[in-house]
Amino acid sequence: MTTLSLPKIEAAHKKTWSYIPPGFPFKSLAAVNPLMGFQDLPFEKALLKGYAFFEYAQFPAQIQEYNRQTIKLCQVLFDQGHGKILAPYQDFPFFIRTKKIIALDKTLHKNLRDKLNWLGALPDTPKTCTQKVLSLFSVSEKELTPFLHHLVGTLPGWASLCAIP
């Protein structure tokens, strides 16, 4: 199992999110530049990079499931008062709140004790949690930025809301 250093993860994280346009309220339908992050390239190269980054003919099944679960979580965490029932743990810090809400989702852990214990044992900071999860996937230093780009680039519509500078 490979454990990446936190500075390497932070650098890849910063680079990955630099390609995501800032979030705008969905109700405003504001347009953003889909080539953000490629400003240093000639326009033709930026188009090719943008296409490679954001367009996929078909997502792998694991990415589709990741997106489905992430979007479900985003709908709860980023609700702007549209839901009839408020999400729980409103007074908790964002990451702790996220972990607690994930623990409530029986479709993820099926009430299996080992999965619940694993979720409960995850670190309480986003950086160390990311480090632990990346090590489980055996993501190498060379694969780190492309791996994160792929996850973020395939999360349609929500990525800019999830960006944490």
C-alpha atoms as a PDB file:
ATOM      1  CA  MET A   1       0.000   0.000   0.000  1.00  0.00           C
ATOM      2  CA  THR A   2       1.466   3.356  -1.103  1.00  0.00           C
ATOM      3  CA  THR A   3       1.163   6.330   1.221  1.00  0.00           C
ATOM      4  CA  LEU A   4       1.604   9.667  -0.490  1.00  0.00           C
ATOM      5  CA  SER A   5       2.944  12.635   1.447  1.00  0.00           C
ATOM      6  CA  LEU A   6       0.499  15.371   2.406  1.00  0.00           C
ATOM      7  CA  PRO A   7       2.506  18.043   0.486  1.00  0.00           C
ATOM      8  CA  LYS A   8       2.250  15.923  -2.710  1.00  0.00           C
ATOM      9  CA  ILE A   9      -1.494  15.468  -2.199  1.00  0.00           C
ATOM     10  CA  GLU A  10      -1.941  19.196  -1.524  1.00  0.00           C
ATOM     11  CA  ALA A  11      -0.029  20.124  -4.706  1.00  0.00           C
ATOM     12  CA  ALA A  12      -2.121  17.720  -6.829  1.00  0.00           C
ATOM     13  CA  HIS A  13      -5.293  18.963  -5.118  1.00  0.00           C
ATOM     14  CA  LYS A  14      -4.438  22.595  -5.889  1.00  0.00           C
ATOM     15  CA  LYS A  15      -3.597  21.813  -9.515  1.00  0.00           C
ATOM     16  CA  THR A  16      -6.781  19.750  -9.992  1.00  0.00           C
ATOM     17  CA  TRP A  17      -9.116  22.419  -8.654  1.00  0.00           C
ATOM     18  CA  SER A  18      -7.396  25.135 -10.726  1.00  0.00           C
ATOM     19  CA  TYR A  19      -9.196  23.670 -13.747  1.00  0.00           C
ATOM     20  CA  ILE A  20     -12.656  23.937 -12.215  1.00  0.00           C
ATOM     21  CA  PRO A  21     -14.564  27.202 -12.783  1.00  0.00           C
ATOM     22  CA  PRO A  22     -15.940  28.858  -9.657  1.00  0.00           C
ATOM     23  CA  GLY A  23     -19.423  27.864  -8.575  1.00  0.00           C
ATOM     24  CA  PHE A  24     -22.318  30.122  -9.375  1.00  0.00           C
ATOM     25  CA  PRO A  25     -25.823  29.732  -8.038  1.00  0.00           C
ATOM     26  CA  PHE A  26     -27.643  27.304 -10.323  1.00  0.00           C
ATOM     27  CA  LYS A  27     -30.628  29.632 -10.407  1.00  0.00           C
ATOM     28  CA  SER A  28     -28.576  32.388 -12.109  1.00  0.00           C
ATOM     29  CA  LEU A  29     -27.561  30.155 -15.048  1.00  0.00           C
ATOM     30  CA  ALA A  30     -24.335  32.172 -15.262  1.00  0.00           C
ATOM     31  CA  ALA A  31     -21.951  30.966 -17.926  1.00  0.00           C
ATOM     32  CA  VAL A  32     -18.340  30.267 -17.010  1.00  0.00           C
ATOM     33  CA  ASN A  33     -15.295  29.579 -19.135  1.00  0.00           C
ATOM     34  CA  PRO A  34     -14.928  25.801 -19.516  1.00  0.00           C
ATOM     35  CA  LEU A  35     -11.265  26.312 -20.439  1.00  0.00           C
ATOM     36  CA  MET A  36     -10.374  27.798 -17.071  1.00  0.00           C
ATOM     37  CA  GLY A  37      -6.971  26.565 -15.992  1.00  0.00           C
ATOM     38  CA  PHE A  38      -5.716  26.373 -19.570  1.00  0.00           C
ATOM     39  CA  GLN A  39      -5.197  30.130 -20.052  1.00  0.00           C
ATOM     40  CA  ASP A  40      -1.446  29.709 -20.472  1.00  0.00           C
ATOM     41  CA  LEU A  41      -1.903  27.543 -23.599  1.00  0.00           C
ATOM     42  CA  PRO A  42      -2.617  28.602 -27.186  1.00  0.00           C
ATOM     43  CA  PHE A  43      -6.361  28.424 -27.834  1.00  0.00           C
ATOM     44  CA  GLU A  44      -6.201  25.297 -30.037  1.00  0.00           C
ATOM     45  CA  LYS A  45      -4.172  23.404 -27.434  1.00  0.00           C
ATOM     46  CA  ALA A  46      -6.497  24.595 -24.672  1.00  0.00           C
ATOM     47  CA  LEU A  47      -9.454  23.171 -26.614  1.00  0.00           C
ATOM     48  CA  LEU A  48      -7.721  19.800 -26.954  1.00  0.00           C
ATOM     49  CA  LYS A  49      -6.764  19.719 -23.267  1.00  0.00           C
ATOM     50  CA  GLY A  50     -10.252  20.800 -22.212  1.00  0.00           C
ATOM     51  CA  TYR A  51     -11.805  18.117 -24.372  1.00  0.00           C
ATOM     52  CA  ALA A  52      -9.496  15.455 -22.933  1.00  0.00           C
ATOM     53  CA  PHE A  53     -10.180  16.652 -19.390  1.00  0.00           C
ATOM     54  CA  PHE A  54     -13.962  16.986 -19.498  1.00  0.00           C
ATOM     55  CA  GLU A  55     -15.251  14.747 -22.291  1.00  0.00           C
ATOM     56  CA  TYR A  56     -15.530  11.009 -21.933  1.00  0.00           C
ATOM     57  CA  ALA A  57     -17.361   8.707 -24.314  1.00  0.00           C
ATOM     58  CA  GLN A  58     -18.288   6.430 -21.434  1.00  0.00           C
ATOM     59  CA  PHE A  59     -17.410   6.532 -17.777  1.00  0.00           C
ATOM     60  CA  PRO A  60     -16.146   3.365 -16.097  1.00  0.00           C
ATOM     61  CA  ALA A  61     -18.779   1.750 -13.863  1.00  0.00           C
ATOM     62  CA  GLN A  62     -16.798   2.616 -10.713  1.00  0.00           C
ATOM     63  CA  ILE A  63     -16.717   6.309 -11.676  1.00  0.00           C
ATOM     64  CA  GLN A  64     -20.444   6.262 -12.446  1.00  0.00           C
ATOM     65  CA  GLU A  65     -21.154   4.806  -8.998  1.00  0.00           C
ATOM     66  CA  TYR A  66     -18.782   7.302  -7.340  1.00  0.00           C
ATOM     67  CA  ASN A  67     -20.576  10.145  -9.145  1.00  0.00           C
ATOM     68  CA  ARG A  68     -24.012   8.823  -8.189  1.00  0.00           C
ATOM     69  CA  GLN A  69     -23.074   8.619  -4.517  1.00  0.00           C
ATOM     70  CA  THR A  70     -21.256  11.969  -4.569  1.00  0.00           C
ATOM     71  CA  ILE A  71     -24.172  13.746  -6.262  1.00  0.00           C
ATOM     72  CA  LYS A  72     -26.586  12.256  -3.712  1.00  0.00           C
ATOM     73  CA  LEU A  73     -24.365  13.577  -0.928  1.00  0.00           C
ATOM     74  CA  CYS A  74     -23.998  17.002  -2.597  1.00  0.00           C
ATOM     75  CA  GLN A  75     -27.772  17.325  -2.811  1.00  0.00           C
ATOM     76  CA  VAL A  76     -27.935  17.018   0.963  1.00  0.00           C
ATOM     77  CA  LEU A  77     -24.849  19.060   1.851  1.00  0.00           C
ATOM     78  CA  PHE A  78     -25.447  21.946  -0.566  1.00  0.00           C
ATOM     79  CA  ASP A  79     -29.213  22.247  -0.202  1.00  0.00           C
ATOM     80  CA  GLN A  80     -30.141  25.931  -0.069  1.00  0.00           C
ATOM     81  CA  GLY A  81     -33.357  25.458   1.854  1.00  0.00           C
ATOM     82  CA  HIS A  82     -35.238  23.749  -0.988  1.00  0.00           C
ATOM     83  CA  GLY A  83     -35.588  20.436   0.829  1.00  0.00           C
ATOM     84  CA  LYS A  84     -38.579  19.842   3.049  1.00  0.00           C
ATOM     85  CA  ILE A  85     -36.377  18.312   5.719  1.00  0.00           C
ATOM     86  CA  LEU A  86     -33.101  19.941   6.755  1.00  0.00           C
ATOM     87  CA  ALA A  87     -30.009  17.798   6.598  1.00  0.00           C
ATOM     88  CA  PRO A  88     -28.777  16.671  10.006  1.00  0.00           C
ATOM     89  CA  TYR A  89     -25.662  17.901  11.784  1.00  0.00           C
ATOM     90  CA  GLN A  90     -25.980  21.510  10.608  1.00  0.00           C
ATOM     91  CA  ASP A  91     -23.854  22.727  13.530  1.00  0.00           C
ATOM     92  CA  PHE A  92     -20.894  20.471  12.781  1.00  0.00           C
ATOM     93  CA  PRO A  93     -17.866  21.470  10.700  1.00  0.00           C
ATOM     94  CA  PHE A  94     -18.381  20.570   7.037  1.00  0.00           C
ATOM     95  CA  PHE A  95     -16.091  17.528   6.854  1.00  0.00           C
ATOM     96  CA  ILE A  96     -17.323  16.009  10.134  1.00  0.00           C
ATOM     97  CA  ARG A  97     -20.900  16.631   8.998  1.00  0.00           C
ATOM     98  CA  THR A  98     -20.126  14.861   5.723  1.00  0.00           C
ATOM     99  CA  LYS A  99     -18.713  11.813   7.533  1.00  0.00           C
ATOM    100  CA  LYS A 100     -21.756  11.642   9.825  1.00  0.00           C
ATOM    101  CA  ILE A 101     -24.202  11.860   6.921  1.00  0.00           C
ATOM    102  CA  ILE A 102     -22.308   9.138   5.028  1.00  0.00           C
ATOM    103  CA  ALA A 103     -22.579   6.920   8.125  1.00  0.00           C
ATOM    104  CA  LEU A 104     -26.383   7.339   7.998  1.00  0.00           C
ATOM    105  CA  ASP A 105     -26.576   6.099   4.387  1.00  0.00           C
ATOM    106  CA  LYS A 106     -27.400   2.408   4.678  1.00  0.00           C
ATOM    107  CA  THR A 107     -27.066   1.946   0.905  1.00  0.00           C
ATOM    108  CA  LEU A 108     -23.318   2.510   1.333  1.00  0.00           C
ATOM    109  CA  HIS A 109     -22.567   0.292   4.320  1.00  0.00           C
ATOM    110  CA  LYS A 110     -25.583  -2.064   4.400  1.00  0.00           C
ATOM    111  CA  ASN A 111     -25.396  -1.874   8.220  1.00  0.00           C
ATOM    112  CA  LEU A 112     -22.361  -4.157   8.111  1.00  0.00           C
ATOM    113  CA  ARG A 113     -20.345  -3.660  11.285  1.00  0.00           C
ATOM    114  CA  ASP A 114     -16.948  -3.809   9.540  1.00  0.00           C
ATOM    115  CA  LYS A 115     -17.960  -1.084   7.073  1.00  0.00           C
ATOM    116  CA  LEU A 116     -19.438   1.081   9.839  1.00  0.00           C
ATOM    117  CA  ASN A 117     -16.256   0.632  11.879  1.00  0.00           C
ATOM    118  CA  TRP A 118     -14.142   1.530   8.841  1.00  0.00           C
ATOM    119  CA  LEU A 119     -16.173   4.696   8.236  1.00  0.00           C
ATOM    120  CA  GLY A 120     -15.970   5.615  11.924  1.00  0.00           C
ATOM    121  CA  ALA A 121     -12.200   5.130  11.930  1.00  0.00           C
ATOM    122  CA  LEU A 122     -11.575   7.519   9.035  1.00  0.00           C
ATOM    123  CA  PRO A 123      -9.459  10.525  10.040  1.00  0.00           C
ATOM    124  CA  ASP A 124     -11.310  13.680  11.052  1.00  0.00           C
ATOM    125  CA  THR A 125      -9.435  16.000   8.696  1.00  0.00           C
ATOM    126  CA  PRO A 126      -9.977  16.073   4.925  1.00  0.00           C
ATOM    127  CA  LYS A 127      -6.250  15.916   4.144  1.00  0.00           C
ATOM    128  CA  THR A 128      -5.427  12.880   6.256  1.00  0.00           C
ATOM    129  CA  CYS A 129      -8.639  11.168   5.146  1.00  0.00           C
ATOM    130  CA  THR A 130      -7.713  11.775   1.507  1.00  0.00           C
ATOM    131  CA  GLN A 131      -4.253  10.396   2.198  1.00  0.00           C
ATOM    132  CA  LYS A 132      -5.714   7.223   3.724  1.00  0.00           C
ATOM    133  CA  VAL A 133      -8.223   6.630   0.927  1.00  0.00           C
ATOM    134  CA  LEU A 134      -5.617   7.250  -1.798  1.00  0.00           C
ATOM    135  CA  SER A 135      -3.349   4.687  -0.150  1.00  0.00           C
ATOM    136  CA  LEU A 136      -6.164   2.118  -0.277  1.00  0.00           C
ATOM    137  CA  PHE A 137      -6.422   2.696  -4.032  1.00  0.00           C
ATOM    138  CA  SER A 138      -2.620   2.389  -4.332  1.00  0.00           C
ATOM    139  CA  VAL A 139      -2.445   5.653  -6.276  1.00  0.00           C
ATOM    140  CA  SER A 140       1.178   6.411  -7.058  1.00  0.00           C
ATOM    141  CA  GLU A 141       2.713   9.888  -7.093  1.00  0.00           C
ATOM    142  CA  LYS A 142       2.789   9.766 -10.906  1.00  0.00           C
ATOM    143  CA  GLU A 143      -0.912   8.797 -11.071  1.00  0.00           C
ATOM    144  CA  LEU A 144      -2.102  11.219  -8.391  1.00  0.00           C
ATOM    145  CA  THR A 145      -2.929  14.328 -10.436  1.00  0.00           C
ATOM    146  CA  PRO A 146      -4.519  12.408 -13.348  1.00  0.00           C
ATOM    147  CA  PHE A 147      -6.525  10.321 -10.852  1.00  0.00           C
ATOM    148  CA  LEU A 148      -7.885  13.440  -9.128  1.00  0.00           C
ATOM    149  CA  HIS A 149      -8.513  15.153 -12.505  1.00  0.00           C
ATOM    150  CA  HIS A 150     -10.537  12.153 -13.615  1.00  0.00           C
ATOM    151  CA  LEU A 151     -12.669  12.124 -10.470  1.00  0.00           C
ATOM    152  CA  VAL A 152     -13.313  15.867 -10.549  1.00  0.00           C
ATOM    153  CA  GLY A 153     -13.681  16.129 -14.326  1.00  0.00           C
ATOM    154  CA  THR A 154     -16.374  13.472 -14.360  1.00  0.00           C
ATOM    155  CA  LEU A 155     -18.483  15.045 -11.633  1.00  0.00           C
ATOM    156  CA  PRO A 156     -20.863  17.065 -13.784  1.00  0.00           C
ATOM    157  CA  GLY A 157     -22.250  20.275 -12.352  1.00  0.00           C
ATOM    158  CA  TRP A 158     -21.165  19.727  -8.765  1.00  0.00           C
ATOM    159  CA  ALA A 159     -17.387  19.993  -8.935  1.00  0.00           C
ATOM    160  CA  SER A 160     -17.315  23.775  -8.535  1.00  0.00           C
ATOM    161  CA  LEU A 161     -19.473  23.551  -5.404  1.00  0.00           C
ATOM    162  CA  CYS A 162     -17.197  20.892  -3.926  1.00  0.00           C
ATOM    163  CA  ALA A 163     -13.997  22.897  -4.536  1.00  0.00           C
ATOM    164  CA  ILE A 164     -12.289  23.782  -1.304  1.00  0.00           C
ATOM    165  CA  PRO A 165      -9.392  26.195  -1.908  1.00  0.00           C
END
